[in-house]
Amino acid sequence: MNTEKNLEKALSVLDPIAILEKDDFNRNIVEKNKKRDFSKNQNKILNRFSTYLRGRRYSESTISVYTFFIAELVHFHKNKLLKNLTNRNVEEFIEKVFVTRGYSISSQ
């Protein structure tokens, strides 16, 4: 779970072998805990996505991360209908959000 307490534990364990900046981790915690105002339809889609992942037996951690990323995509393109999104729209999201926040290539 991505919490302040777990961050402190991780930093204390990794401190002897790595140089880590706490601000980089805190930024992700803040981003992940933001509340979004989604329409009922958007909430329904996100809930169905989570249910689908559970049905595929993904871990709760993976479901949380994947759903967060989809929610970020929906929020980024909030003025567009989801059914009208193109591959280019997804690429634009990755370029402007993932790259800016420094997410790893594997997250993309």
N, C-alpha and C. Protein backbone atom coordinates (compact mmCIF):
# COMPACT_ATOMS: atom_id res chain seq x y z
N MET A 1 0.85 -1.18 0.00
CA MET A 1 0.00 0.00 0.00
C MET A 1 0.90 1.24 0.00
N ASN A 2 0.57 2.19 -0.81
CA ASN A 2 1.36 3.40 -0.98
C ASN A 2 0.94 4.44 0.08
N THR A 3 1.50 4.31 1.30
CA THR A 3 1.17 5.21 2.40
C THR A 3 2.44 5.86 2.94
N GLU A 4 2.27 6.91 3.69
CA GLU A 4 3.41 7.61 4.30
C GLU A 4 4.18 6.67 5.22
N LYS A 5 3.48 5.86 5.99
CA LYS A 5 4.13 4.93 6.93
C LYS A 5 4.98 3.91 6.16
N ASN A 6 4.43 3.35 5.10
CA ASN A 6 5.18 2.38 4.31
C ASN A 6 6.35 3.04 3.59
N LEU A 7 6.18 4.28 3.19
CA LEU A 7 7.27 5.01 2.56
C LEU A 7 8.43 5.15 3.54
N GLU A 8 8.13 5.52 4.79
CA GLU A 8 9.18 5.65 5.81
C GLU A 8 9.91 4.33 6.02
N LYS A 9 9.17 3.22 6.05
CA LYS A 9 9.80 1.91 6.21
C LYS A 9 10.72 1.61 5.04
N ALA A 10 10.23 1.84 3.83
CA ALA A 10 11.03 1.56 2.63
C ALA A 10 12.29 2.41 2.61
N LEU A 11 12.15 3.68 2.93
CA LEU A 11 13.32 4.56 2.93
C LEU A 11 14.35 4.13 3.97
N SER A 12 13.89 3.69 5.13
CA SER A 12 14.83 3.27 6.18
C SER A 12 15.58 2.00 5.77
N VAL A 13 14.91 1.10 5.07
CA VAL A 13 15.56 -0.13 4.62
C VAL A 13 16.55 0.16 3.48
N LEU A 14 16.16 1.03 2.57
CA LEU A 14 16.99 1.30 1.39
C LEU A 14 18.07 2.35 1.63
N ASP A 15 17.98 3.08 2.72
CA ASP A 15 18.90 4.18 2.98
C ASP A 15 20.39 3.78 2.90
N PRO A 16 20.79 2.63 3.44
CA PRO A 16 22.22 2.29 3.37
C PRO A 16 22.73 1.97 1.96
N ILE A 17 21.82 1.66 1.03
CA ILE A 17 22.28 1.21 -0.29
C ILE A 17 21.83 2.08 -1.46
N ALA A 18 21.02 3.10 -1.17
CA ALA A 18 20.50 3.92 -2.28
C ALA A 18 20.31 5.36 -1.82
N ILE A 19 20.38 6.27 -2.79
CA ILE A 19 20.08 7.67 -2.51
C ILE A 19 18.68 7.93 -3.05
N LEU A 20 17.76 8.19 -2.13
CA LEU A 20 16.37 8.39 -2.51
C LEU A 20 15.89 9.76 -2.04
N GLU A 21 15.07 10.38 -2.84
CA GLU A 21 14.47 11.66 -2.49
C GLU A 21 13.02 11.41 -2.08
N LYS A 22 12.69 11.72 -0.86
CA LYS A 22 11.35 11.49 -0.35
C LYS A 22 10.30 12.26 -1.15
N ASP A 23 10.64 13.43 -1.65
CA ASP A 23 9.69 14.24 -2.41
C ASP A 23 9.18 13.52 -3.65
N ASP A 24 10.03 12.72 -4.28
CA ASP A 24 9.61 11.97 -5.47
C ASP A 24 8.50 10.99 -5.11
N PHE A 25 8.64 10.35 -3.95
CA PHE A 25 7.62 9.39 -3.53
C PHE A 25 6.36 10.11 -3.06
N ASN A 26 6.51 11.19 -2.32
CA ASN A 26 5.35 11.93 -1.83
C ASN A 26 4.48 12.45 -2.96
N ARG A 27 5.10 12.88 -4.04
CA ARG A 27 4.34 13.39 -5.19
C ARG A 27 3.39 12.31 -5.69
N ASN A 28 3.86 11.06 -5.75
CA ASN A 28 3.02 9.97 -6.22
C ASN A 28 1.90 9.66 -5.24
N ILE A 29 2.18 9.75 -3.93
CA ILE A 29 1.14 9.52 -2.94
C ILE A 29 0.05 10.58 -3.07
N VAL A 30 0.44 11.84 -3.22
CA VAL A 30 -0.54 12.93 -3.36
C VAL A 30 -1.36 12.73 -4.62
N GLU A 31 -0.70 12.43 -5.73
CA GLU A 31 -1.42 12.23 -6.99
C GLU A 31 -2.42 11.08 -6.87
N LYS A 32 -2.01 10.01 -6.22
CA LYS A 32 -2.86 8.83 -6.14
C LYS A 32 -4.07 9.06 -5.24
N ASN A 33 -3.97 9.95 -4.28
CA ASN A 33 -5.06 10.18 -3.34
C ASN A 33 -5.99 11.33 -3.74
N LYS A 34 -5.77 11.91 -4.91
CA LYS A 34 -6.65 12.98 -5.38
C LYS A 34 -8.04 12.45 -5.65
N LYS A 35 -9.03 13.24 -5.30
CA LYS A 35 -10.41 12.90 -5.63
C LYS A 35 -10.73 13.49 -6.99
N ARG A 36 -11.39 12.71 -7.80
CA ARG A 36 -11.80 13.16 -9.13
C ARG A 36 -13.32 13.23 -9.17
N ASP A 37 -13.83 14.20 -9.88
CA ASP A 37 -15.27 14.30 -10.07
C ASP A 37 -15.61 13.68 -11.42
N PHE A 38 -15.97 12.40 -11.38
CA PHE A 38 -16.34 11.70 -12.60
C PHE A 38 -17.85 11.64 -12.72
N SER A 39 -18.31 11.54 -13.94
CA SER A 39 -19.74 11.37 -14.17
C SER A 39 -20.14 9.96 -13.72
N LYS A 40 -21.43 9.72 -13.63
CA LYS A 40 -21.89 8.38 -13.25
C LYS A 40 -21.41 7.35 -14.26
N ASN A 41 -21.44 7.71 -15.54
CA ASN A 41 -21.00 6.80 -16.58
C ASN A 41 -19.51 6.49 -16.46
N GLN A 42 -18.71 7.50 -16.18
CA GLN A 42 -17.28 7.29 -16.02
C GLN A 42 -16.98 6.41 -14.80
N ASN A 43 -17.69 6.66 -13.70
CA ASN A 43 -17.53 5.82 -12.50
C ASN A 43 -17.91 4.37 -12.81
N LYS A 44 -18.97 4.21 -13.56
CA LYS A 44 -19.44 2.88 -13.94
C LYS A 44 -18.36 2.15 -14.74
N ILE A 45 -17.74 2.86 -15.67
CA ILE A 45 -16.69 2.27 -16.49
C ILE A 45 -15.49 1.88 -15.62
N LEU A 46 -15.09 2.76 -14.72
CA LEU A 46 -13.95 2.45 -13.84
C LEU A 46 -14.26 1.25 -12.93
N ASN A 47 -15.48 1.20 -12.43
CA ASN A 47 -15.88 0.07 -11.58
C ASN A 47 -15.91 -1.24 -12.37
N ARG A 48 -16.40 -1.17 -13.60
CA ARG A 48 -16.41 -2.37 -14.45
C ARG A 48 -14.99 -2.83 -14.76
N PHE A 49 -14.11 -1.87 -14.98
CA PHE A 49 -12.71 -2.19 -15.25
C PHE A 49 -12.10 -2.92 -14.05
N SER A 50 -12.33 -2.40 -12.85
CA SER A 50 -11.82 -3.04 -11.63
C SER A 50 -12.40 -4.45 -11.48
N THR A 51 -13.68 -4.58 -11.73
CA THR A 51 -14.34 -5.89 -11.63
C THR A 51 -13.75 -6.87 -12.65
N TYR A 52 -13.50 -6.37 -13.85
CA TYR A 52 -12.89 -7.21 -14.88
C TYR A 52 -11.52 -7.71 -14.42
N LEU A 53 -10.71 -6.81 -13.88
CA LEU A 53 -9.38 -7.21 -13.41
C LEU A 53 -9.46 -8.23 -12.27
N ARG A 54 -10.44 -8.05 -11.38
CA ARG A 54 -10.62 -9.02 -10.29
C ARG A 54 -11.00 -10.38 -10.87
N GLY A 55 -11.84 -10.36 -11.88
CA GLY A 55 -12.24 -11.60 -12.54
C GLY A 55 -11.06 -12.29 -13.22
N ARG A 56 -10.08 -11.52 -13.63
CA ARG A 56 -8.86 -12.06 -14.24
C ARG A 56 -7.85 -12.45 -13.17
N ARG A 57 -8.23 -12.28 -11.89
CA ARG A 57 -7.44 -12.66 -10.72
C ARG A 57 -6.15 -11.86 -10.55
N TYR A 58 -6.21 -10.58 -10.91
CA TYR A 58 -5.09 -9.69 -10.64
C TYR A 58 -5.05 -9.38 -9.14
N SER A 59 -3.89 -9.04 -8.63
CA SER A 59 -3.78 -8.69 -7.21
C SER A 59 -4.47 -7.34 -6.98
N GLU A 60 -4.86 -7.10 -5.74
CA GLU A 60 -5.52 -5.83 -5.40
C GLU A 60 -4.59 -4.65 -5.66
N SER A 61 -3.31 -4.86 -5.44
CA SER A 61 -2.35 -3.80 -5.70
C SER A 61 -2.32 -3.45 -7.19
N THR A 62 -2.28 -4.45 -8.04
CA THR A 62 -2.28 -4.23 -9.48
C THR A 62 -3.57 -3.57 -9.92
N ILE A 63 -4.68 -4.03 -9.40
CA ILE A 63 -5.99 -3.45 -9.73
C ILE A 63 -6.01 -1.98 -9.36
N SER A 64 -5.50 -1.66 -8.19
CA SER A 64 -5.46 -0.27 -7.73
C SER A 64 -4.63 0.60 -8.67
N VAL A 65 -3.46 0.13 -9.05
CA VAL A 65 -2.57 0.91 -9.92
C VAL A 65 -3.18 1.06 -11.30
N TYR A 66 -3.66 -0.04 -11.89
CA TYR A 66 -4.23 0.03 -13.23
C TYR A 66 -5.46 0.93 -13.26
N THR A 67 -6.30 0.81 -12.25
CA THR A 67 -7.50 1.64 -12.20
C THR A 67 -7.13 3.11 -12.02
N PHE A 68 -6.10 3.37 -11.22
CA PHE A 68 -5.63 4.74 -11.04
C PHE A 68 -5.17 5.32 -12.38
N PHE A 69 -4.39 4.55 -13.14
CA PHE A 69 -3.91 5.04 -14.43
C PHE A 69 -5.06 5.30 -15.41
N ILE A 70 -6.04 4.43 -15.42
CA ILE A 70 -7.20 4.64 -16.30
C ILE A 70 -7.97 5.88 -15.84
N ALA A 71 -8.12 6.04 -14.53
CA ALA A 71 -8.80 7.22 -14.00
C ALA A 71 -8.05 8.50 -14.40
N GLU A 72 -6.72 8.45 -14.36
CA GLU A 72 -5.93 9.60 -14.79
C GLU A 72 -6.14 9.89 -16.27
N LEU A 73 -6.21 8.85 -17.08
CA LEU A 73 -6.46 9.01 -18.51
C LEU A 73 -7.82 9.65 -18.73
N VAL A 74 -8.83 9.16 -18.06
CA VAL A 74 -10.19 9.70 -18.18
C VAL A 74 -10.21 11.16 -17.75
N HIS A 75 -9.55 11.45 -16.64
CA HIS A 75 -9.51 12.83 -16.16
C HIS A 75 -8.77 13.75 -17.13
N PHE A 76 -7.66 13.27 -17.68
CA PHE A 76 -6.87 14.06 -18.62
C PHE A 76 -7.69 14.44 -19.85
N HIS A 77 -8.52 13.52 -20.30
CA HIS A 77 -9.37 13.77 -21.48
C HIS A 77 -10.82 13.96 -21.06
N LYS A 78 -11.03 14.68 -19.97
CA LYS A 78 -12.37 14.82 -19.40
C LYS A 78 -13.37 15.51 -20.33
N ASN A 79 -12.89 16.26 -21.29
CA ASN A 79 -13.80 16.96 -22.20
C ASN A 79 -14.10 16.17 -23.47
N LYS A 80 -13.66 14.91 -23.49
CA LYS A 80 -13.92 14.05 -24.65
C LYS A 80 -14.71 12.83 -24.21
N LEU A 81 -15.54 12.34 -25.08
CA LEU A 81 -16.23 11.08 -24.81
C LEU A 81 -15.22 9.95 -24.91
N LEU A 82 -15.30 9.01 -23.97
CA LEU A 82 -14.34 7.91 -23.96
C LEU A 82 -14.37 7.11 -25.25
N LYS A 83 -15.55 6.95 -25.81
CA LYS A 83 -15.66 6.16 -27.04
C LYS A 83 -14.99 6.85 -28.23
N ASN A 84 -14.69 8.13 -28.10
CA ASN A 84 -14.05 8.87 -29.18
C ASN A 84 -12.53 8.98 -29.03
N LEU A 85 -11.98 8.43 -27.93
CA LEU A 85 -10.52 8.49 -27.73
C LEU A 85 -9.81 7.63 -28.77
N THR A 86 -8.68 8.13 -29.22
CA THR A 86 -7.87 7.43 -30.21
C THR A 86 -6.54 7.00 -29.59
N ASN A 87 -5.79 6.22 -30.34
CA ASN A 87 -4.44 5.85 -29.88
C ASN A 87 -3.60 7.10 -29.64
N ARG A 88 -3.76 8.09 -30.50
CA ARG A 88 -3.01 9.34 -30.34
C ARG A 88 -3.36 10.02 -29.03
N ASN A 89 -4.63 9.97 -28.61
CA ASN A 89 -5.03 10.56 -27.34
C ASN A 89 -4.31 9.88 -26.17
N VAL A 90 -4.16 8.57 -26.26
CA VAL A 90 -3.46 7.82 -25.22
C VAL A 90 -1.97 8.18 -25.23
N GLU A 91 -1.39 8.28 -26.41
CA GLU A 91 0.02 8.69 -26.52
C GLU A 91 0.23 10.07 -25.93
N GLU A 92 -0.69 10.97 -26.21
CA GLU A 92 -0.61 12.34 -25.68
C GLU A 92 -0.65 12.32 -24.15
N PHE A 93 -1.53 11.50 -23.59
CA PHE A 93 -1.63 11.34 -22.14
C PHE A 93 -0.30 10.84 -21.57
N ILE A 94 0.27 9.83 -22.19
CA ILE A 94 1.54 9.28 -21.72
C ILE A 94 2.64 10.34 -21.78
N GLU A 95 2.70 11.06 -22.90
CA GLU A 95 3.73 12.09 -23.07
C GLU A 95 3.60 13.20 -22.05
N LYS A 96 2.40 13.63 -21.77
CA LYS A 96 2.20 14.79 -20.90
C LYS A 96 2.06 14.45 -19.43
N VAL A 97 1.65 13.23 -19.10
CA VAL A 97 1.45 12.86 -17.69
C VAL A 97 2.55 11.91 -17.22
N PHE A 98 2.69 10.78 -17.86
CA PHE A 98 3.65 9.78 -17.41
C PHE A 98 5.07 10.33 -17.46
N VAL A 99 5.43 10.92 -18.59
CA VAL A 99 6.80 11.41 -18.74
C VAL A 99 7.06 12.55 -17.77
N THR A 100 6.12 13.48 -17.63
CA THR A 100 6.27 14.61 -16.72
C THR A 100 6.45 14.14 -15.27
N ARG A 101 5.71 13.11 -14.88
CA ARG A 101 5.81 12.61 -13.51
C ARG A 101 6.97 11.63 -13.31
N GLY A 102 7.62 11.30 -14.39
CA GLY A 102 8.78 10.41 -14.27
C GLY A 102 8.44 8.95 -14.06
N TYR A 103 7.26 8.52 -14.51
CA TYR A 103 6.91 7.10 -14.38
C TYR A 103 7.84 6.26 -15.26
N SER A 104 8.08 5.05 -14.82
CA SER A 104 8.98 4.17 -15.55
C SER A 104 8.38 3.73 -16.88
N ILE A 105 9.24 3.26 -17.75
CA ILE A 105 8.80 2.74 -19.05
C ILE A 105 7.84 1.57 -18.83
N SER A 106 8.12 0.72 -17.85
CA SER A 106 7.27 -0.45 -17.61
C SER A 106 5.86 -0.03 -17.19
N SER A 107 5.73 1.12 -16.54
CA SER A 107 4.40 1.61 -16.17
C SER A 107 3.61 2.03 -17.41
N GLN A 108 4.34 2.54 -18.39
CA GLN A 108 3.68 2.99 -19.61
C GLN A 108 3.14 1.81 -20.38
